[in-house]
Amino acid sequence: MLALLAIFAADALAWEGRTDDLGQQLQWAQHTIPFKINPRGDHGLSDSAIDTLVAAATRGWTHPVSGSLRFNHDGSTALNRASHEDGVNLIYFEEEWTQDPDLLAVTYIWSNTEGKIIGFDMALNADDHTWAVDGSEGANDLLNTLSHEFGHALGIDHSPVETLATMYPSSPPGETIKRDLHTDDVEAVSYLYANADSAEEDPASCSTVGRSGLPHVVLLIIPLFAFIRRSENP
């Protein structure tokens, strides 16, 4: 069931965070977040280019909180739909897009009743948009969009810092400025994760286990539609 979202704003900061129905800020408790990539699709990009840009996007978010958070590329997969039941944090190109065609991507996240994120899936719109890796005019830059979507996967909502912030919710063709985090984005990830206990036991497959379902765990499944729109005039 699609949750009704409330907006959490940190004091004196422009960035906003995702909250659940109980008003709890959504964020990961685990130290390492595994994911798989399905590079298939009619997008004209090579598997190696996609892998490289996904890695660059994850580094952008983990660098400011080095030692407290990391993503782990756990290989490729043939999965091609968002689901909390498959036990995989998935990044894929959607070729039968049913959302608003103006959307470049949608990131779904799931959390438990304590507001801890236990999984995400990231769908890139390959049905309505052309993708590129070099900021080509007339195409959407993949790293630009991936950087935005990984912010959502971490529990960060849109930023009102127009154009400059990675989490600002529009992106014209050819834009590359969202590849690099703005100060507002750095403040967001630092606020949520800089104080994480990097010495904790590292449950690298925690989200996989959690989403598979444990008898004593009650999961609150919340597909949060977190997206970036294409905009000719942002």
Protein backbone atom coordinates (compact mmCIF):
# COMPACT_ATOMS: atom_id res chain seq x y z
CA MET A 1 0.00 0.00 0.00
CA LEU A 2 1.38 3.38 -0.97
CA ALA A 3 2.14 5.29 2.16
CA LEU A 4 1.11 8.85 2.70
CA LEU A 5 4.36 10.67 3.24
CA ALA A 6 5.23 13.32 5.76
CA ILE A 7 8.22 15.57 5.28
CA PHE A 8 10.95 15.81 7.87
CA ALA A 9 13.15 18.90 7.76
CA ALA A 10 16.32 19.11 9.82
CA ASP A 11 16.66 22.31 11.83
CA ALA A 12 18.34 25.11 9.88
CA LEU A 13 18.94 22.88 6.85
CA ALA A 14 17.23 23.03 3.47
CA TRP A 15 17.29 19.30 2.77
CA GLU A 16 14.34 17.13 3.69
CA GLY A 17 14.11 13.55 4.90
CA ARG A 18 11.60 10.78 4.27
CA THR A 19 9.43 9.71 7.18
CA ASP A 20 7.00 6.83 7.60
CA ASP A 21 3.37 6.98 8.74
CA LEU A 22 4.54 7.26 12.36
CA GLY A 23 6.73 10.26 11.60
CA GLN A 24 9.96 8.31 11.95
CA GLN A 25 12.89 9.36 9.79
CA LEU A 26 13.69 6.55 7.39
CA GLN A 27 17.34 5.49 7.35
CA TRP A 28 19.49 2.39 7.16
CA ALA A 29 20.69 0.77 10.37
CA GLN A 30 23.17 -1.55 8.69
CA HIS A 31 26.70 -0.58 7.76
CA THR A 32 26.82 -2.10 4.26
CA ILE A 33 24.04 -1.94 1.66
CA PRO A 34 24.28 -4.66 -1.03
CA PHE A 35 22.73 -4.26 -4.46
CA LYS A 36 22.52 -5.99 -7.83
CA ILE A 37 22.29 -4.47 -11.31
CA ASN A 38 20.26 -5.64 -14.29
CA PRO A 39 21.95 -3.76 -17.16
CA ARG A 40 19.65 -5.14 -19.86
CA GLY A 41 17.48 -2.84 -21.92
CA ASP A 42 17.20 -0.85 -25.11
CA HIS A 43 19.24 2.07 -23.82
CA GLY A 44 22.43 1.80 -25.87
CA LEU A 45 24.75 1.76 -22.84
CA SER A 46 27.40 -0.87 -22.16
CA ASP A 47 27.32 -3.03 -19.05
CA SER A 48 30.72 -1.71 -18.00
CA ALA A 49 29.62 1.92 -18.36
CA ILE A 50 26.55 1.27 -16.21
CA ASP A 51 28.62 -0.49 -13.54
CA THR A 52 31.15 2.35 -13.51
CA LEU A 53 28.54 5.07 -13.13
CA VAL A 54 26.63 3.21 -10.41
CA ALA A 55 29.90 2.89 -8.51
CA ALA A 56 30.59 6.60 -8.98
CA ALA A 57 27.13 7.52 -7.68
CA THR A 58 27.52 5.39 -4.55
CA ARG A 59 30.98 6.83 -3.84
CA GLY A 60 29.52 10.32 -4.03
CA TRP A 61 27.20 9.58 -1.12
CA THR A 62 29.49 7.44 1.02
CA HIS A 63 32.62 9.61 0.79
CA PRO A 64 31.33 12.32 3.19
CA VAL A 65 30.66 9.63 5.85
CA SER A 66 33.62 7.39 5.09
CA GLY A 67 33.72 4.39 7.41
CA SER A 68 30.07 4.74 8.48
CA LEU A 69 28.33 3.67 5.29
CA ARG A 70 29.10 1.80 2.09
CA PHE A 71 27.37 0.13 -0.84
CA ASN A 72 28.40 -3.29 -2.08
CA HIS A 73 27.93 -4.28 -5.74
CA ASP A 74 26.76 -7.87 -5.36
CA GLY A 75 26.78 -8.79 -9.06
CA SER A 76 24.26 -8.80 -11.89
CA THR A 77 20.76 -10.24 -12.03
CA ALA A 78 17.96 -10.93 -14.51
CA LEU A 79 15.33 -9.49 -12.16
CA ASN A 80 13.40 -6.69 -13.86
CA ARG A 81 10.68 -5.53 -11.50
CA ALA A 82 10.51 -3.78 -8.17
CA SER A 83 9.51 -6.16 -5.38
CA HIS A 84 10.15 -6.41 -1.65
CA GLU A 85 9.79 -10.18 -1.87
CA ASP A 86 12.82 -11.08 -4.01
CA GLY A 87 15.43 -10.25 -1.39
CA VAL A 88 17.45 -8.07 -3.78
CA ASN A 89 18.21 -4.36 -3.78
CA LEU A 90 17.79 -3.91 -7.52
CA ILE A 91 18.85 -1.31 -10.09
CA TYR A 92 17.30 -1.86 -13.51
CA PHE A 93 15.95 -0.22 -16.68
CA GLU A 94 12.15 -0.35 -17.02
CA GLU A 95 11.00 -0.71 -20.63
CA GLU A 96 7.27 -0.91 -19.94
CA TRP A 97 6.98 2.27 -17.90
CA THR A 98 3.60 2.75 -16.25
CA GLN A 99 4.41 5.83 -14.17
CA ASP A 100 4.32 9.45 -15.35
CA PRO A 101 6.39 9.43 -18.59
CA ASP A 102 8.12 12.66 -17.50
CA LEU A 103 9.79 10.77 -14.66
CA LEU A 104 13.37 9.73 -15.31
CA ALA A 105 13.42 7.18 -12.49
CA VAL A 106 11.57 5.91 -9.45
CA THR A 107 13.21 4.58 -6.30
CA TYR A 108 11.15 2.36 -4.02
CA ILE A 109 12.22 1.85 -0.41
CA TRP A 110 10.86 -0.46 2.25
CA SER A 111 11.17 -0.08 5.99
CA ASN A 112 10.27 -1.94 9.18
CA THR A 113 8.10 -0.64 12.01
CA GLU A 114 11.07 1.10 13.63
CA GLY A 115 11.69 3.29 10.58
CA LYS A 116 14.75 1.34 9.47
CA ILE A 117 15.12 0.92 5.72
CA ILE A 118 15.43 -2.76 4.81
CA GLY A 119 15.52 -2.56 1.04
CA PHE A 120 15.31 -0.47 -2.12
CA ASP A 121 14.70 -0.93 -5.83
CA MET A 122 15.63 1.67 -8.44
CA ALA A 123 13.81 1.73 -11.79
CA LEU A 124 15.21 3.85 -14.63
CA ASN A 125 12.79 4.91 -17.34
CA ALA A 126 14.07 3.43 -20.61
CA ASP A 127 10.68 3.71 -22.28
CA ASP A 128 10.32 7.49 -22.54
CA HIS A 129 13.87 8.85 -22.33
CA THR A 130 17.25 8.61 -24.03
CA TRP A 131 20.26 7.96 -21.81
CA ALA A 132 23.89 9.02 -22.16
CA VAL A 133 27.07 8.86 -20.10
CA ASP A 134 28.75 12.10 -21.20
CA GLY A 135 26.20 14.86 -20.70
CA SER A 136 25.16 14.83 -24.36
CA GLU A 137 22.55 17.40 -25.29
CA GLY A 138 19.17 15.86 -25.91
CA ALA A 139 19.84 12.89 -23.61
CA ASN A 140 19.67 12.37 -19.87
CA ASP A 141 22.98 11.84 -18.13
CA LEU A 142 22.91 8.51 -16.29
CA LEU A 143 25.28 9.49 -13.47
CA ASN A 144 23.32 12.69 -12.91
CA THR A 145 20.14 10.68 -12.33
CA LEU A 146 21.77 7.83 -10.40
CA SER A 147 23.28 10.30 -7.96
CA HIS A 148 19.84 11.75 -7.27
CA GLU A 149 18.18 8.35 -6.88
CA PHE A 150 20.78 6.99 -4.46
CA GLY A 151 19.96 9.93 -2.22
CA HIS A 152 16.39 8.67 -2.10
CA ALA A 153 17.61 5.13 -1.40
CA LEU A 154 19.30 6.54 1.71
CA GLY A 155 16.09 8.16 2.99
CA ILE A 156 16.68 11.68 1.70
CA ASP A 157 13.86 13.59 0.04
CA HIS A 158 13.97 16.49 -2.39
CA SER A 159 15.90 19.66 -1.73
CA PRO A 160 14.58 23.17 -2.43
CA VAL A 161 18.09 24.34 -3.36
CA GLU A 162 17.18 25.02 -6.96
CA THR A 163 19.24 23.38 -9.70
CA LEU A 164 22.48 23.11 -7.68
CA ALA A 165 21.56 20.39 -5.18
CA THR A 166 21.75 16.77 -6.30
CA MET A 167 18.36 16.25 -4.62
CA TYR A 168 16.63 19.11 -6.45
CA PRO A 169 13.69 17.40 -8.24
CA SER A 170 14.21 18.28 -11.90
CA SER A 171 16.84 17.63 -14.51
CA PRO A 172 16.97 18.95 -18.08
CA PRO A 173 18.59 16.90 -20.86
CA GLY A 174 22.36 17.24 -20.84
CA GLU A 175 22.57 18.31 -17.20
CA THR A 176 25.54 16.97 -15.20
CA ILE A 177 25.61 19.23 -12.12
CA LYS A 178 23.86 16.64 -9.96
CA ARG A 179 26.76 14.23 -10.43
CA ASP A 180 28.55 15.97 -7.55
CA LEU A 181 26.92 16.57 -4.18
CA HIS A 182 26.07 20.11 -3.14
CA THR A 183 26.71 21.26 0.43
CA ASP A 184 23.03 20.66 1.15
CA ASP A 185 23.32 17.02 0.06
CA VAL A 186 26.47 16.51 2.14
CA GLU A 187 24.69 17.93 5.19
CA ALA A 188 21.83 15.49 4.63
CA VAL A 189 23.93 12.32 4.43
CA SER A 190 26.15 13.51 7.28
CA TYR A 191 23.16 14.23 9.50
CA LEU A 192 21.74 10.75 8.91
CA TYR A 193 24.89 8.63 8.81
CA ALA A 194 28.03 10.39 10.07
CA ASN A 195 27.43 9.19 13.62
CA ALA A 196 26.71 5.59 12.62
CA ASP A 197 28.74 3.04 14.57
CA SER A 198 31.32 1.91 12.03
CA ALA A 199 32.59 -0.69 14.49
CA GLU A 200 29.27 -2.53 14.58
CA GLU A 201 28.99 -6.01 13.18
CA ASP A 202 28.58 -5.58 9.43
CA PRO A 203 25.45 -7.47 8.30
CA ALA A 204 26.14 -7.22 4.57
CA SER A 205 23.06 -9.24 3.66
CA CYS A 206 20.78 -7.83 6.34
CA SER A 207 18.29 -6.31 3.92
CA THR A 208 18.10 -9.56 2.00
CA VAL A 209 17.29 -11.49 5.14
CA GLY A 210 14.87 -8.90 6.41
CA ARG A 211 12.88 -8.69 3.18
CA SER A 212 12.71 -12.45 2.90
CA GLY A 213 10.75 -12.29 6.13
CA LEU A 214 11.62 -13.61 9.59
CA PRO A 215 8.80 -15.05 11.75
CA HIS A 216 9.45 -12.69 14.66
CA VAL A 217 9.86 -9.54 12.57
CA VAL A 218 6.85 -7.46 11.56
CA LEU A 219 7.67 -5.53 8.41
CA LEU A 220 6.03 -2.29 7.37
CA ILE A 221 6.30 -2.35 3.60
CA ILE A 222 6.35 1.17 2.25
CA PRO A 223 6.99 1.73 -1.45
CA LEU A 224 8.00 5.38 -1.39
CA PHE A 225 7.90 6.89 -4.85
CA ALA A 226 11.04 8.99 -4.92
CA PHE A 227 11.86 10.44 -8.28
CA ILE A 228 13.50 13.00 -10.45
CA ARG A 229 11.57 14.65 -13.24
CA ARG A 230 12.87 15.64 -16.62
CA SER A 231 12.49 19.36 -17.12
CA GLU A 232 13.27 21.38 -20.18
CA ASN A 233 13.27 24.55 -18.05
CA PRO A 234 13.98 23.62 -14.42
